[in-house]
Amino acid sequence: MDKSLNAQLNAGGGITSGLKKVADEKKAKNRKDRTGKITGSTNSLRNAQARAPEVFEISGNMWKIEGQIHKRGDKKLFVKEDQATSKNSISIWKCDNSVVVVEAKVGSILIDNCKKLALVFNDVVASVEIVNSSSVDVQCLKYVPSISADKTAGVKFYLSKDCCITGKETRIITSSCSEANVFYPGTNGELKEKFIPEQVSTVINGNDAKFNFIEHTG
């Protein structure tokens, strides 16, 4: 080791005596331009860690479709007619920008915590439920008795003519939803659209309360 360097190391604090001190305003903890934000590759790593692992499998009586990202076009997901029965339910969780096609007749379908998801199905025995999601399109090709949506922004329901038969109409229930629309075939076969009201007007008249939906006219 160089004698002069060895001497400086042995001198302890003396090795820094020749260095200029950093002004208080230039210290990292005192800099005004220090934002503390995590950017770049660190954010990408966090996003990857936050994603649910990809699952596409049947477990007992439940089909689990989870963590599917960008599964559209040639990559869209199918539950074939011979892969499920009316005793099976389907759970779609944390999927983003994907299309799920259910060809089999199943008992029920749940969509939870999904974004930009399109679901196309034939027959459902009980119901289709959507919760905590955004930008969801649901299309029934044959029949489903009930569809419900809760805490969902931007949902579109596409019904078949079988869903509109008098006496067995599909019931749609929405709660805490915004931008909800239903599309259905008219008597002449044309596609009709209705906005599902999200505002309610309440008027107290004597001992009675009257509630009226405020329909979107724009």
Protein backbone atom coordinates (compact mmCIF):
# COMPACT_ATOMS: atom_id res chain seq x y z
CA MET A 1 0.00 0.00 0.00
CA ASP A 2 1.25 3.53 -0.78
CA LYS A 3 2.77 5.00 2.41
CA SER A 4 1.01 8.36 1.97
CA LEU A 5 -2.41 6.69 1.55
CA ASN A 6 -1.72 4.43 4.55
CA ALA A 7 -0.85 7.43 6.63
CA GLN A 8 -4.11 9.19 5.66
CA LEU A 9 -6.20 6.14 6.54
CA ASN A 10 -4.51 5.87 9.90
CA ALA A 11 -5.19 9.57 10.47
CA GLY A 12 -8.94 8.89 10.66
CA GLY A 13 -10.91 12.11 10.35
CA GLY A 14 -7.92 13.84 8.88
CA ILE A 15 -8.55 12.20 5.49
CA THR A 16 -11.64 14.37 4.92
CA SER A 17 -10.19 17.56 6.21
CA GLY A 18 -9.30 18.72 2.72
CA LEU A 19 -12.81 18.18 1.27
CA LYS A 20 -15.28 21.02 0.81
CA LYS A 21 -18.37 20.84 2.98
CA VAL A 22 -21.74 20.41 1.23
CA ALA A 23 -24.02 23.36 1.81
CA ASP A 24 -27.20 22.53 3.75
CA GLU A 25 -29.49 23.43 0.85
CA LYS A 26 -27.60 21.02 -1.45
CA LYS A 27 -27.89 18.01 0.85
CA ALA A 28 -30.24 15.36 -0.52
CA LYS A 29 -32.56 15.52 2.48
CA ASN A 30 -32.94 19.31 2.09
CA ARG A 31 -33.16 19.63 -1.72
CA LYS A 32 -36.42 21.17 -2.94
CA ASP A 33 -36.34 19.13 -6.17
CA ARG A 34 -36.33 15.88 -4.25
CA THR A 35 -39.74 14.35 -4.90
CA GLY A 36 -39.34 10.91 -3.42
CA LYS A 37 -41.27 9.41 -6.34
CA ILE A 38 -40.44 5.92 -7.54
CA THR A 39 -40.13 5.91 -11.30
CA GLY A 40 -38.86 3.89 -14.22
CA SER A 41 -37.98 0.27 -13.74
CA THR A 42 -38.97 0.33 -10.05
CA ASN A 43 -42.55 1.20 -10.97
CA SER A 44 -42.58 -1.54 -13.61
CA LEU A 45 -41.37 -4.03 -11.02
CA ARG A 46 -44.08 -2.98 -8.58
CA ASN A 47 -46.76 -3.29 -11.27
CA ALA A 48 -45.55 -6.76 -12.16
CA GLN A 49 -45.62 -7.78 -8.51
CA ALA A 50 -49.16 -6.39 -8.13
CA ARG A 51 -50.51 -8.53 -10.99
CA ALA A 52 -52.31 -11.70 -10.13
CA PRO A 53 -50.66 -14.86 -11.47
CA GLU A 54 -52.29 -16.22 -14.63
CA VAL A 55 -54.81 -18.95 -13.93
CA PHE A 56 -57.05 -20.74 -16.44
CA GLU A 57 -58.25 -23.98 -14.91
CA ILE A 58 -61.20 -25.81 -13.40
CA SER A 59 -61.06 -26.54 -9.67
CA GLY A 60 -63.92 -28.66 -8.40
CA ASN A 61 -67.08 -27.14 -9.85
CA MET A 62 -65.51 -23.72 -10.50
CA TRP A 63 -63.67 -22.45 -13.54
CA LYS A 64 -61.01 -19.94 -12.46
CA ILE A 65 -59.87 -17.31 -14.96
CA GLU A 66 -57.44 -14.98 -13.24
CA GLY A 67 -54.69 -12.50 -14.05
CA GLN A 68 -55.22 -12.63 -17.81
CA ILE A 69 -53.75 -9.55 -19.56
CA HIS A 70 -54.15 -8.53 -23.23
CA LYS A 71 -55.93 -11.74 -24.24
CA ARG A 72 -57.77 -10.50 -27.33
CA GLY A 73 -57.98 -11.44 -30.99
CA ASP A 74 -56.19 -14.74 -31.55
CA LYS A 75 -55.38 -14.90 -27.82
CA LYS A 76 -58.94 -14.60 -26.47
CA LEU A 77 -59.98 -17.22 -23.97
CA PHE A 78 -62.59 -19.96 -24.55
CA VAL A 79 -64.52 -22.22 -22.22
CA LYS A 80 -65.67 -24.81 -24.76
CA GLU A 81 -69.02 -26.57 -24.75
CA ASP A 82 -67.44 -29.83 -23.60
CA GLN A 83 -65.39 -28.18 -20.85
CA ALA A 84 -68.22 -27.19 -18.48
CA THR A 85 -71.82 -27.98 -17.53
CA SER A 86 -74.71 -26.20 -15.83
CA LYS A 87 -73.26 -27.36 -12.49
CA ASN A 88 -70.13 -25.28 -13.04
CA SER A 89 -69.63 -21.65 -12.10
CA ILE A 90 -67.04 -19.33 -13.62
CA SER A 91 -65.00 -16.76 -11.68
CA ILE A 92 -63.15 -14.10 -13.70
CA TRP A 93 -60.82 -12.09 -11.46
CA LYS A 94 -58.26 -9.34 -12.08
CA CYS A 95 -58.27 -9.63 -15.86
CA ASP A 96 -57.39 -6.64 -18.02
CA ASN A 97 -57.98 -5.88 -21.70
CA SER A 98 -59.17 -9.39 -22.46
CA VAL A 99 -62.04 -11.32 -24.09
CA VAL A 100 -63.65 -14.39 -22.53
CA VAL A 101 -66.03 -16.55 -24.60
CA VAL A 102 -68.14 -19.12 -22.75
CA GLU A 103 -69.63 -21.59 -25.21
CA ALA A 104 -70.85 -24.02 -22.54
CA LYS A 105 -74.08 -23.66 -20.59
CA VAL A 106 -72.97 -22.85 -17.03
CA GLY A 107 -74.60 -22.17 -13.68
CA SER A 108 -73.29 -18.66 -13.02
CA ILE A 109 -70.53 -16.21 -13.93
CA LEU A 110 -68.79 -13.70 -11.64
CA ILE A 111 -66.61 -10.83 -12.92
CA ASP A 112 -64.58 -9.24 -10.11
CA ASN A 113 -61.95 -6.49 -10.21
CA CYS A 114 -61.54 -6.48 -13.99
CA LYS A 115 -60.84 -3.70 -16.50
CA LYS A 116 -61.58 -3.53 -20.23
CA LEU A 117 -63.10 -6.99 -20.22
CA ALA A 118 -65.51 -8.40 -22.80
CA LEU A 119 -67.58 -11.45 -21.86
CA VAL A 120 -69.59 -13.35 -24.48
CA PHE A 121 -71.71 -16.30 -23.34
CA ASN A 122 -74.57 -18.50 -24.50
CA ASP A 123 -76.71 -19.78 -21.60
CA VAL A 124 -76.44 -19.15 -17.87
CA VAL A 125 -78.81 -20.91 -15.48
CA ALA A 126 -78.77 -18.41 -12.59
CA SER A 127 -77.00 -15.08 -13.02
CA VAL A 128 -74.05 -13.03 -14.23
CA GLU A 129 -72.56 -10.69 -11.61
CA ILE A 130 -70.09 -7.83 -12.08
CA VAL A 131 -68.40 -6.14 -9.10
CA ASN A 132 -65.61 -3.61 -8.57
CA SER A 133 -64.82 -3.35 -12.27
CA SER A 134 -64.62 -0.81 -15.10
CA SER A 135 -65.21 -0.80 -18.86
CA VAL A 136 -66.95 -4.16 -19.05
CA ASP A 137 -69.01 -5.44 -22.02
CA VAL A 138 -71.34 -8.38 -21.42
CA GLN A 139 -73.11 -10.09 -24.34
CA CYS A 140 -75.71 -12.84 -23.96
CA LEU A 141 -76.27 -14.87 -27.14
CA LYS A 142 -79.15 -16.98 -25.75
CA TYR A 143 -80.59 -16.51 -22.25
CA VAL A 144 -79.75 -15.50 -18.68
CA PRO A 145 -82.43 -14.77 -16.03
CA SER A 146 -80.50 -12.09 -14.14
CA ILE A 147 -77.53 -9.76 -14.58
CA SER A 148 -76.27 -7.54 -11.77
CA ALA A 149 -73.54 -4.92 -11.53
CA ASP A 150 -72.20 -3.29 -8.37
CA LYS A 151 -69.55 -0.59 -8.03
CA THR A 152 -68.75 -0.67 -11.72
CA ALA A 153 -68.05 2.23 -14.08
CA GLY A 154 -68.73 1.89 -17.79
CA VAL A 155 -70.72 -1.31 -18.30
CA LYS A 156 -72.62 -2.37 -21.42
CA PHE A 157 -75.19 -5.15 -21.52
CA TYR A 158 -76.02 -6.72 -24.90
CA LEU A 159 -79.15 -8.90 -24.76
CA SER A 160 -80.48 -11.45 -27.23
CA LYS A 161 -84.11 -11.62 -28.34
CA ASP A 162 -84.63 -14.53 -25.92
CA CYS A 163 -83.81 -12.17 -23.06
CA CYS A 164 -86.69 -9.90 -24.07
CA ILE A 165 -89.56 -12.41 -24.31
CA THR A 166 -92.58 -11.34 -22.25
CA GLY A 167 -92.85 -13.43 -19.12
CA LYS A 168 -89.17 -14.45 -19.01
CA GLU A 169 -87.41 -11.13 -19.42
CA THR A 170 -83.85 -10.79 -18.19
CA ARG A 171 -83.71 -8.65 -15.05
CA ILE A 172 -80.79 -6.19 -14.81
CA ILE A 173 -79.93 -4.82 -11.36
CA THR A 174 -77.34 -2.07 -10.93
CA SER A 175 -76.00 -0.53 -7.74
CA SER A 176 -73.40 2.24 -7.40
CA CYS A 177 -72.75 2.09 -11.14
CA SER A 178 -72.07 4.83 -13.68
CA GLU A 179 -72.22 4.90 -17.49
CA ALA A 180 -74.38 1.79 -17.74
CA ASN A 181 -76.18 1.03 -21.01
CA VAL A 182 -78.32 -1.84 -22.25
CA PHE A 183 -78.58 -2.85 -25.92
CA TYR A 184 -81.38 -5.09 -27.17
CA PRO A 185 -83.10 -6.05 -30.45
CA GLY A 186 -86.17 -4.02 -31.37
CA THR A 187 -89.36 -5.43 -32.88
CA ASN A 188 -87.98 -4.84 -36.38
CA GLY A 189 -84.63 -6.43 -35.56
CA GLU A 190 -82.79 -3.13 -35.14
CA LEU A 191 -80.42 -2.71 -32.21
CA LYS A 192 -81.83 -0.36 -29.58
CA GLU A 193 -79.98 1.32 -26.73
CA LYS A 194 -81.15 2.55 -23.34
CA PHE A 195 -79.19 4.40 -20.69
CA ILE A 196 -79.66 2.95 -17.20
CA PRO A 197 -80.35 5.86 -14.81
CA GLU A 198 -77.89 6.42 -12.00
CA GLN A 199 -79.67 9.38 -10.38
CA VAL A 200 -82.88 9.28 -8.34
CA SER A 201 -85.13 12.21 -7.47
CA THR A 202 -86.84 11.99 -4.07
CA VAL A 203 -89.91 14.07 -3.16
CA ILE A 204 -91.66 13.94 0.24
CA ASN A 205 -95.39 14.53 -0.20
CA GLY A 206 -97.21 14.49 3.13
CA ASN A 207 -96.59 11.07 4.68
CA ASP A 208 -95.41 9.54 1.43
CA ALA A 209 -92.07 9.53 -0.41
CA LYS A 210 -91.93 9.38 -4.19
CA PHE A 211 -88.87 8.27 -6.11
CA ASN A 212 -88.27 8.98 -9.80
CA PHE A 213 -85.34 8.04 -11.94
CA ILE A 214 -83.62 10.87 -13.81
CA GLU A 215 -83.03 9.59 -17.31
CA HIS A 216 -80.16 10.64 -19.50
CA THR A 217 -81.38 12.58 -22.54
CA GLY A 218 -78.11 13.65 -24.11
